[in-house]
Amino acid sequence: MPKIEGACLCGAVKYSSPAEPVLEAVCHCENCQRQAGTAFSVVVGVPASSLKIEGEENVATYQDRGDSGKSVQRRFCRNCGSPIVSVVEVAPDLLFIKSGTLNDRSWLDPKLHIWCDSAQPWYEIPKGTQQLPQSPPG
């Protein structure tokens, strides 16, 4: 089982979860591209009740909206700006950790790509992965 522990760039926000990841995905939506500052965002979904955050006073939230019109809270370190986790209203039982903040990323192997309609044309999505044009249904 992978160890879910991580921190922002400056170390003011740390997190951990004893839970097994529910999913690993690559999101190509335009909002994730903007937040990540690159072509996509790799996220790890964990049960919302399992994630413990230290340094909560250093966490700021940008209130965003998904294509569904529902809330997406993009939580980040107010000191260094590292995106930490997304809270997505359409998936209330999950939190989506920004994988670049994990202490150990060696186990990551996302097989799900979402919002492929927005993927950058110069990035080739690996063959053999599940590719959805937008969000997963439901």
N, C-alpha and C. Protein backbone atom coordinates (compact mmCIF):
# COMPACT_ATOMS: atom_id res chain seq x y z
N MET A 1 0.84 -1.18 0.00
CA MET A 1 0.00 0.00 0.00
C MET A 1 0.88 1.24 0.00
N PRO A 2 0.59 2.19 -0.88
CA PRO A 2 1.39 3.42 -0.90
C PRO A 2 1.18 4.24 0.37
N LYS A 3 2.20 4.97 0.73
CA LYS A 3 2.11 5.84 1.90
C LYS A 3 1.65 7.21 1.44
N ILE A 4 0.51 7.65 1.95
CA ILE A 4 -0.04 8.94 1.58
C ILE A 4 0.40 9.97 2.62
N GLU A 5 1.51 10.62 2.34
CA GLU A 5 2.02 11.71 3.17
C GLU A 5 2.62 12.74 2.24
N GLY A 6 2.47 14.01 2.60
CA GLY A 6 3.05 15.03 1.75
C GLY A 6 3.06 16.39 2.40
N ALA A 7 3.54 17.36 1.63
CA ALA A 7 3.66 18.72 2.15
C ALA A 7 3.76 19.69 0.98
N CYS A 8 3.50 20.94 1.29
CA CYS A 8 3.68 22.00 0.30
C CYS A 8 5.17 22.29 0.14
N LEU A 9 5.51 23.18 -0.75
CA LEU A 9 6.90 23.52 -1.03
C LEU A 9 7.63 24.05 0.19
N CYS A 10 6.99 24.91 0.97
CA CYS A 10 7.67 25.51 2.14
C CYS A 10 7.53 24.67 3.40
N GLY A 11 6.70 23.64 3.38
CA GLY A 11 6.54 22.76 4.54
C GLY A 11 5.56 23.25 5.59
N ALA A 12 4.89 24.37 5.35
CA ALA A 12 3.94 24.91 6.33
C ALA A 12 2.66 24.08 6.41
N VAL A 13 2.34 23.35 5.33
CA VAL A 13 1.16 22.50 5.30
C VAL A 13 1.62 21.07 5.03
N LYS A 14 1.23 20.18 5.93
CA LYS A 14 1.55 18.76 5.78
C LYS A 14 0.24 17.98 5.86
N TYR A 15 0.23 16.81 5.25
CA TYR A 15 -0.97 15.98 5.31
C TYR A 15 -0.59 14.51 5.33
N SER A 16 -1.55 13.70 5.74
CA SER A 16 -1.38 12.24 5.71
C SER A 16 -2.75 11.59 5.67
N SER A 17 -2.77 10.37 5.16
CA SER A 17 -3.98 9.57 5.12
C SER A 17 -3.57 8.10 5.25
N PRO A 18 -4.22 7.37 6.15
CA PRO A 18 -3.93 5.94 6.26
C PRO A 18 -4.67 5.12 5.20
N ALA A 19 -5.54 5.76 4.44
CA ALA A 19 -6.40 5.04 3.49
C ALA A 19 -5.66 4.68 2.21
N GLU A 20 -6.17 3.64 1.60
CA GLU A 20 -5.73 3.24 0.27
C GLU A 20 -6.29 4.25 -0.74
N PRO A 21 -5.54 4.68 -1.74
CA PRO A 21 -6.10 5.59 -2.74
C PRO A 21 -7.29 4.96 -3.45
N VAL A 22 -8.32 5.76 -3.69
CA VAL A 22 -9.50 5.31 -4.40
C VAL A 22 -9.25 5.37 -5.90
N LEU A 23 -8.49 6.40 -6.32
CA LEU A 23 -8.15 6.53 -7.74
C LEU A 23 -6.93 7.41 -7.92
N GLU A 24 -6.32 7.22 -9.07
CA GLU A 24 -5.23 8.08 -9.53
C GLU A 24 -5.65 8.53 -10.92
N ALA A 25 -5.64 9.83 -11.15
CA ALA A 25 -6.13 10.32 -12.44
C ALA A 25 -5.30 11.50 -12.91
N VAL A 26 -5.35 11.72 -14.21
CA VAL A 26 -4.73 12.88 -14.83
C VAL A 26 -5.87 13.73 -15.36
N CYS A 27 -5.95 14.98 -14.90
CA CYS A 27 -7.02 15.87 -15.34
C CYS A 27 -6.44 16.89 -16.31
N HIS A 28 -7.04 16.97 -17.49
CA HIS A 28 -6.60 17.87 -18.54
C HIS A 28 -7.52 19.09 -18.68
N CYS A 29 -8.41 19.33 -17.69
CA CYS A 29 -9.32 20.48 -17.82
C CYS A 29 -8.53 21.79 -17.77
N GLU A 30 -9.09 22.81 -18.35
CA GLU A 30 -8.39 24.09 -18.43
C GLU A 30 -8.11 24.69 -17.06
N ASN A 31 -9.02 24.49 -16.10
CA ASN A 31 -8.78 25.05 -14.76
C ASN A 31 -7.62 24.35 -14.07
N CYS A 32 -7.51 23.03 -14.22
CA CYS A 32 -6.36 22.32 -13.64
C CYS A 32 -5.06 22.73 -14.34
N GLN A 33 -5.12 22.96 -15.64
CA GLN A 33 -3.93 23.42 -16.36
C GLN A 33 -3.47 24.76 -15.79
N ARG A 34 -4.42 25.65 -15.57
CA ARG A 34 -4.07 26.97 -15.03
C ARG A 34 -3.53 26.87 -13.61
N GLN A 35 -4.19 26.05 -12.77
CA GLN A 35 -3.72 25.94 -11.39
C GLN A 35 -2.35 25.28 -11.33
N ALA A 36 -2.13 24.26 -12.14
CA ALA A 36 -0.86 23.54 -12.11
C ALA A 36 0.24 24.30 -12.84
N GLY A 37 -0.16 25.20 -13.74
CA GLY A 37 0.84 25.93 -14.52
C GLY A 37 1.49 25.07 -15.58
N THR A 38 0.80 24.01 -15.98
CA THR A 38 1.33 23.10 -16.98
C THR A 38 0.17 22.40 -17.70
N ALA A 39 0.44 21.34 -18.43
CA ALA A 39 -0.54 20.72 -19.31
C ALA A 39 -1.65 19.94 -18.62
N PHE A 40 -1.44 19.52 -17.38
CA PHE A 40 -2.44 18.72 -16.68
C PHE A 40 -2.10 18.66 -15.20
N SER A 41 -3.01 18.08 -14.44
CA SER A 41 -2.81 17.89 -13.01
C SER A 41 -3.00 16.41 -12.70
N VAL A 42 -2.07 15.83 -11.97
CA VAL A 42 -2.19 14.44 -11.54
C VAL A 42 -2.73 14.47 -10.11
N VAL A 43 -3.84 13.76 -9.90
CA VAL A 43 -4.48 13.76 -8.59
C VAL A 43 -4.64 12.35 -8.06
N VAL A 44 -4.68 12.26 -6.74
CA VAL A 44 -4.92 11.01 -6.04
C VAL A 44 -6.16 11.21 -5.17
N GLY A 45 -7.20 10.44 -5.44
CA GLY A 45 -8.42 10.53 -4.65
C GLY A 45 -8.34 9.65 -3.43
N VAL A 46 -8.63 10.24 -2.26
CA VAL A 46 -8.69 9.49 -1.00
C VAL A 46 -10.02 9.79 -0.32
N PRO A 47 -10.49 8.89 0.54
CA PRO A 47 -11.71 9.19 1.29
C PRO A 47 -11.54 10.49 2.08
N ALA A 48 -12.53 11.36 1.97
CA ALA A 48 -12.45 12.68 2.61
C ALA A 48 -12.20 12.58 4.11
N SER A 49 -12.83 11.62 4.75
CA SER A 49 -12.69 11.50 6.20
C SER A 49 -11.30 11.01 6.63
N SER A 50 -10.51 10.52 5.70
CA SER A 50 -9.20 9.95 6.05
C SER A 50 -8.06 10.96 6.05
N LEU A 51 -8.25 12.11 5.41
CA LEU A 51 -7.13 13.05 5.24
C LEU A 51 -7.00 13.95 6.45
N LYS A 52 -5.81 13.94 7.06
CA LYS A 52 -5.49 14.81 8.18
C LYS A 52 -4.51 15.86 7.69
N ILE A 53 -4.83 17.13 7.95
CA ILE A 53 -3.99 18.24 7.51
C ILE A 53 -3.42 18.96 8.72
N GLU A 54 -2.10 19.14 8.73
CA GLU A 54 -1.42 19.94 9.75
C GLU A 54 -1.08 21.29 9.12
N GLY A 55 -1.22 22.35 9.90
CA GLY A 55 -0.93 23.67 9.36
C GLY A 55 -2.13 24.26 8.64
N GLU A 56 -3.32 23.85 9.06
CA GLU A 56 -4.57 24.31 8.42
C GLU A 56 -4.65 25.84 8.37
N GLU A 57 -4.05 26.52 9.33
CA GLU A 57 -4.06 27.99 9.34
C GLU A 57 -3.30 28.58 8.15
N ASN A 58 -2.48 27.78 7.51
CA ASN A 58 -1.72 28.22 6.33
C ASN A 58 -2.40 27.86 5.02
N VAL A 59 -3.60 27.30 5.10
CA VAL A 59 -4.32 26.89 3.90
C VAL A 59 -5.32 27.96 3.49
N ALA A 60 -5.25 28.35 2.23
CA ALA A 60 -6.22 29.27 1.64
C ALA A 60 -7.05 28.49 0.62
N THR A 61 -8.21 29.02 0.29
CA THR A 61 -9.11 28.34 -0.65
C THR A 61 -9.52 29.28 -1.76
N TYR A 62 -9.39 28.80 -2.98
CA TYR A 62 -9.94 29.51 -4.13
C TYR A 62 -11.23 28.80 -4.51
N GLN A 63 -12.33 29.52 -4.50
CA GLN A 63 -13.64 28.95 -4.83
C GLN A 63 -13.81 28.95 -6.35
N ASP A 64 -13.81 27.78 -6.93
CA ASP A 64 -13.92 27.60 -8.37
C ASP A 64 -15.25 26.90 -8.66
N ARG A 65 -15.57 26.75 -9.93
CA ARG A 65 -16.76 26.01 -10.36
C ARG A 65 -16.34 25.02 -11.43
N GLY A 66 -16.86 23.82 -11.32
CA GLY A 66 -16.64 22.82 -12.35
C GLY A 66 -17.62 23.02 -13.49
N ASP A 67 -17.48 22.24 -14.53
CA ASP A 67 -18.37 22.32 -15.68
C ASP A 67 -19.81 22.03 -15.30
N SER A 68 -20.00 21.29 -14.21
CA SER A 68 -21.34 20.96 -13.72
C SER A 68 -22.01 22.18 -13.09
N GLY A 69 -21.23 23.22 -12.83
CA GLY A 69 -21.75 24.39 -12.12
C GLY A 69 -21.59 24.24 -10.61
N LYS A 70 -21.14 23.08 -10.17
CA LYS A 70 -20.96 22.81 -8.75
C LYS A 70 -19.59 23.32 -8.28
N SER A 71 -19.48 23.48 -6.99
CA SER A 71 -18.29 24.02 -6.35
C SER A 71 -17.07 23.11 -6.47
N VAL A 72 -15.92 23.73 -6.71
CA VAL A 72 -14.62 23.07 -6.61
C VAL A 72 -13.76 23.99 -5.75
N GLN A 73 -13.45 23.54 -4.55
CA GLN A 73 -12.58 24.32 -3.68
C GLN A 73 -11.14 23.89 -3.92
N ARG A 74 -10.35 24.82 -4.42
CA ARG A 74 -8.94 24.54 -4.68
C ARG A 74 -8.15 25.09 -3.50
N ARG A 75 -7.65 24.18 -2.67
CA ARG A 75 -6.98 24.57 -1.44
C ARG A 75 -5.47 24.55 -1.66
N PHE A 76 -4.81 25.61 -1.18
CA PHE A 76 -3.38 25.78 -1.44
C PHE A 76 -2.71 26.44 -0.24
N CYS A 77 -1.38 26.35 -0.19
CA CYS A 77 -0.63 26.99 0.89
C CYS A 77 -0.59 28.49 0.64
N ARG A 78 -1.01 29.26 1.64
CA ARG A 78 -1.01 30.71 1.49
C ARG A 78 0.41 31.28 1.52
N ASN A 79 1.39 30.51 1.99
CA ASN A 79 2.78 31.00 2.03
C ASN A 79 3.52 30.81 0.71
N CYS A 80 3.47 29.59 0.18
CA CYS A 80 4.26 29.29 -1.02
C CYS A 80 3.41 29.09 -2.28
N GLY A 81 2.10 28.97 -2.13
CA GLY A 81 1.22 28.83 -3.28
C GLY A 81 1.03 27.41 -3.79
N SER A 82 1.67 26.44 -3.18
CA SER A 82 1.52 25.05 -3.66
C SER A 82 0.07 24.59 -3.56
N PRO A 83 -0.49 24.08 -4.67
CA PRO A 83 -1.83 23.48 -4.58
C PRO A 83 -1.73 22.18 -3.79
N ILE A 84 -2.63 21.98 -2.84
CA ILE A 84 -2.58 20.81 -1.97
C ILE A 84 -3.68 19.81 -2.30
N VAL A 85 -4.93 20.29 -2.31
CA VAL A 85 -6.06 19.38 -2.45
C VAL A 85 -7.24 20.12 -3.07
N SER A 86 -8.05 19.37 -3.80
CA SER A 86 -9.30 19.92 -4.33
C SER A 86 -10.47 19.21 -3.66
N VAL A 87 -11.45 20.01 -3.27
CA VAL A 87 -12.69 19.51 -2.68
C VAL A 87 -13.77 19.73 -3.74
N VAL A 88 -14.30 18.66 -4.27
CA VAL A 88 -15.20 18.72 -5.42
C VAL A 88 -16.62 18.35 -4.97
N GLU A 89 -17.54 19.27 -5.12
CA GLU A 89 -18.91 19.08 -4.63
C GLU A 89 -19.58 17.85 -5.24
N VAL A 90 -19.29 17.53 -6.49
CA VAL A 90 -19.94 16.38 -7.11
C VAL A 90 -19.39 15.04 -6.61
N ALA A 91 -18.29 15.07 -5.85
CA ALA A 91 -17.70 13.87 -5.25
C ALA A 91 -17.42 14.15 -3.78
N PRO A 92 -18.47 14.32 -2.96
CA PRO A 92 -18.29 14.78 -1.58
C PRO A 92 -17.55 13.82 -0.66
N ASP A 93 -17.47 12.56 -1.03
CA ASP A 93 -16.80 11.58 -0.16
C ASP A 93 -15.31 11.46 -0.45
N LEU A 94 -14.82 12.20 -1.45
CA LEU A 94 -13.41 12.12 -1.83
C LEU A 94 -12.74 13.48 -1.72
N LEU A 95 -11.46 13.47 -1.48
CA LEU A 95 -10.60 14.65 -1.62
C LEU A 95 -9.54 14.28 -2.64
N PHE A 96 -9.17 15.25 -3.47
CA PHE A 96 -8.22 14.99 -4.55
C PHE A 96 -6.90 15.68 -4.24
N ILE A 97 -5.92 14.90 -3.81
CA ILE A 97 -4.59 15.40 -3.47
C ILE A 97 -3.83 15.69 -4.75
N LYS A 98 -3.18 16.83 -4.81
CA LYS A 98 -2.30 17.15 -5.94
C LYS A 98 -1.02 16.34 -5.75
N SER A 99 -0.79 15.39 -6.64
CA SER A 99 0.24 14.38 -6.43
C SER A 99 1.66 14.93 -6.34
N GLY A 100 1.91 16.10 -6.90
CA GLY A 100 3.24 16.68 -6.81
C GLY A 100 3.65 17.01 -5.39
N THR A 101 2.69 17.04 -4.47
CA THR A 101 2.99 17.35 -3.07
C THR A 101 3.26 16.10 -2.24
N LEU A 102 3.07 14.91 -2.83
CA LEU A 102 3.35 13.67 -2.10
C LEU A 102 4.85 13.55 -1.82
N ASN A 103 5.19 13.04 -0.65
CA ASN A 103 6.60 12.81 -0.33
C ASN A 103 7.19 11.73 -1.23
N ASP A 104 6.42 10.68 -1.49
CA ASP A 104 6.86 9.59 -2.36
C ASP A 104 5.87 9.47 -3.51
N ARG A 105 6.32 9.74 -4.71
CA ARG A 105 5.47 9.66 -5.89
C ARG A 105 5.83 8.46 -6.77
N SER A 106 6.76 7.65 -6.33
CA SER A 106 7.28 6.56 -7.16
C SER A 106 6.22 5.50 -7.49
N TRP A 107 5.19 5.37 -6.70
CA TRP A 107 4.16 4.36 -6.90
C TRP A 107 3.05 4.80 -7.85
N LEU A 108 3.01 6.09 -8.16
CA LEU A 108 1.93 6.60 -9.01
C LEU A 108 1.95 5.96 -10.40
N ASP A 109 0.78 5.56 -10.87
CA ASP A 109 0.64 5.00 -12.21
C ASP A 109 -0.79 5.24 -12.67
N PRO A 110 -1.16 6.52 -12.89
CA PRO A 110 -2.56 6.81 -13.24
C PRO A 110 -2.96 6.20 -14.58
N LYS A 111 -4.08 5.51 -14.54
CA LYS A 111 -4.61 4.85 -15.75
C LYS A 111 -5.88 5.52 -16.25
N LEU A 112 -6.27 6.64 -15.61
CA LEU A 112 -7.48 7.37 -16.00
C LEU A 112 -7.10 8.79 -16.37
N HIS A 113 -7.49 9.20 -17.57
CA HIS A 113 -7.29 10.57 -18.03
C HIS A 113 -8.67 11.16 -18.26
N ILE A 114 -8.93 12.32 -17.63
CA ILE A 114 -10.22 12.98 -17.80
C ILE A 114 -10.05 14.35 -18.45
N TRP A 115 -11.14 14.84 -18.99
CA TRP A 115 -11.15 16.11 -19.73
C TRP A 115 -10.16 16.07 -20.89
N CYS A 116 -10.13 14.93 -21.58
CA CYS A 116 -9.22 14.76 -22.71
C CYS A 116 -9.56 15.71 -23.86
N ASP A 117 -10.81 16.20 -23.92
CA ASP A 117 -11.17 17.19 -24.94
C ASP A 117 -10.35 18.47 -24.81
N SER A 118 -9.82 18.73 -23.60
CA SER A 118 -9.03 19.94 -23.34
C SER A 118 -7.52 19.66 -23.31
N ALA A 119 -7.14 18.43 -23.58
CA ALA A 119 -5.71 18.07 -23.51
C ALA A 119 -4.91 18.86 -24.54
N GLN A 120 -3.70 19.19 -24.18
CA GLN A 120 -2.81 19.90 -25.10
C GLN A 120 -2.45 18.99 -26.28
N PRO A 121 -2.48 19.50 -27.48
CA PRO A 121 -2.25 18.66 -28.66
C PRO A 121 -0.84 18.10 -28.75
N TRP A 122 0.10 18.71 -28.05
CA TRP A 122 1.48 18.25 -28.11
C TRP A 122 1.77 17.14 -27.09
N TYR A 123 0.78 16.82 -26.22
CA TYR A 123 0.96 15.76 -25.24
C TYR A 123 0.21 14.52 -25.71
N GLU A 124 0.91 13.40 -25.84
CA GLU A 124 0.29 12.16 -26.26
C GLU A 124 -0.13 11.37 -25.02
N ILE A 125 -1.43 11.19 -24.86
CA ILE A 125 -1.96 10.41 -23.74
C ILE A 125 -1.57 8.96 -23.96
N PRO A 126 -0.99 8.31 -22.95
CA PRO A 126 -0.51 6.94 -23.13
C PRO A 126 -1.61 5.97 -23.58
N LYS A 127 -1.26 5.12 -24.50
CA LYS A 127 -2.17 4.08 -24.95
C LYS A 127 -2.40 3.12 -23.78
N GLY A 128 -3.58 2.53 -23.75
CA GLY A 128 -3.89 1.58 -22.69
C GLY A 128 -4.47 2.23 -21.45
N THR A 129 -4.64 3.54 -21.47
CA THR A 129 -5.27 4.22 -20.34
C THR A 129 -6.71 4.54 -20.69
N GLN A 130 -7.54 4.63 -19.68
CA GLN A 130 -8.93 5.03 -19.90
C GLN A 130 -8.94 6.53 -20.17
N GLN A 131 -9.61 6.93 -21.23
CA GLN A 131 -9.63 8.34 -21.63
C GLN A 131 -11.08 8.80 -21.77
N LEU A 132 -11.43 9.80 -20.96
CA LEU A 132 -12.78 10.34 -21.01
C LEU A 132 -12.73 11.75 -21.58
N PRO A 133 -13.68 12.10 -22.44
CA PRO A 133 -13.66 13.45 -23.05
C PRO A 133 -13.85 14.56 -22.03
N GLN A 134 -14.62 14.27 -20.97
CA GLN A 134 -14.86 15.26 -19.91
C GLN A 134 -14.80 14.55 -18.56
N SER A 135 -15.65 14.96 -17.62
CA SER A 135 -15.68 14.33 -16.29
C SER A 135 -16.29 12.94 -16.36
N PRO A 136 -15.93 12.11 -15.38
CA PRO A 136 -16.60 10.81 -15.29
C PRO A 136 -18.09 11.03 -14.99
N PRO A 137 -18.96 10.19 -15.52
CA PRO A 137 -20.38 10.34 -15.22
C PRO A 137 -20.66 10.10 -13.74
N GLY A 138 -21.58 10.88 -13.19
CA GLY A 138 -22.01 10.71 -11.80
C GLY A 138 -20.93 11.03 -10.86
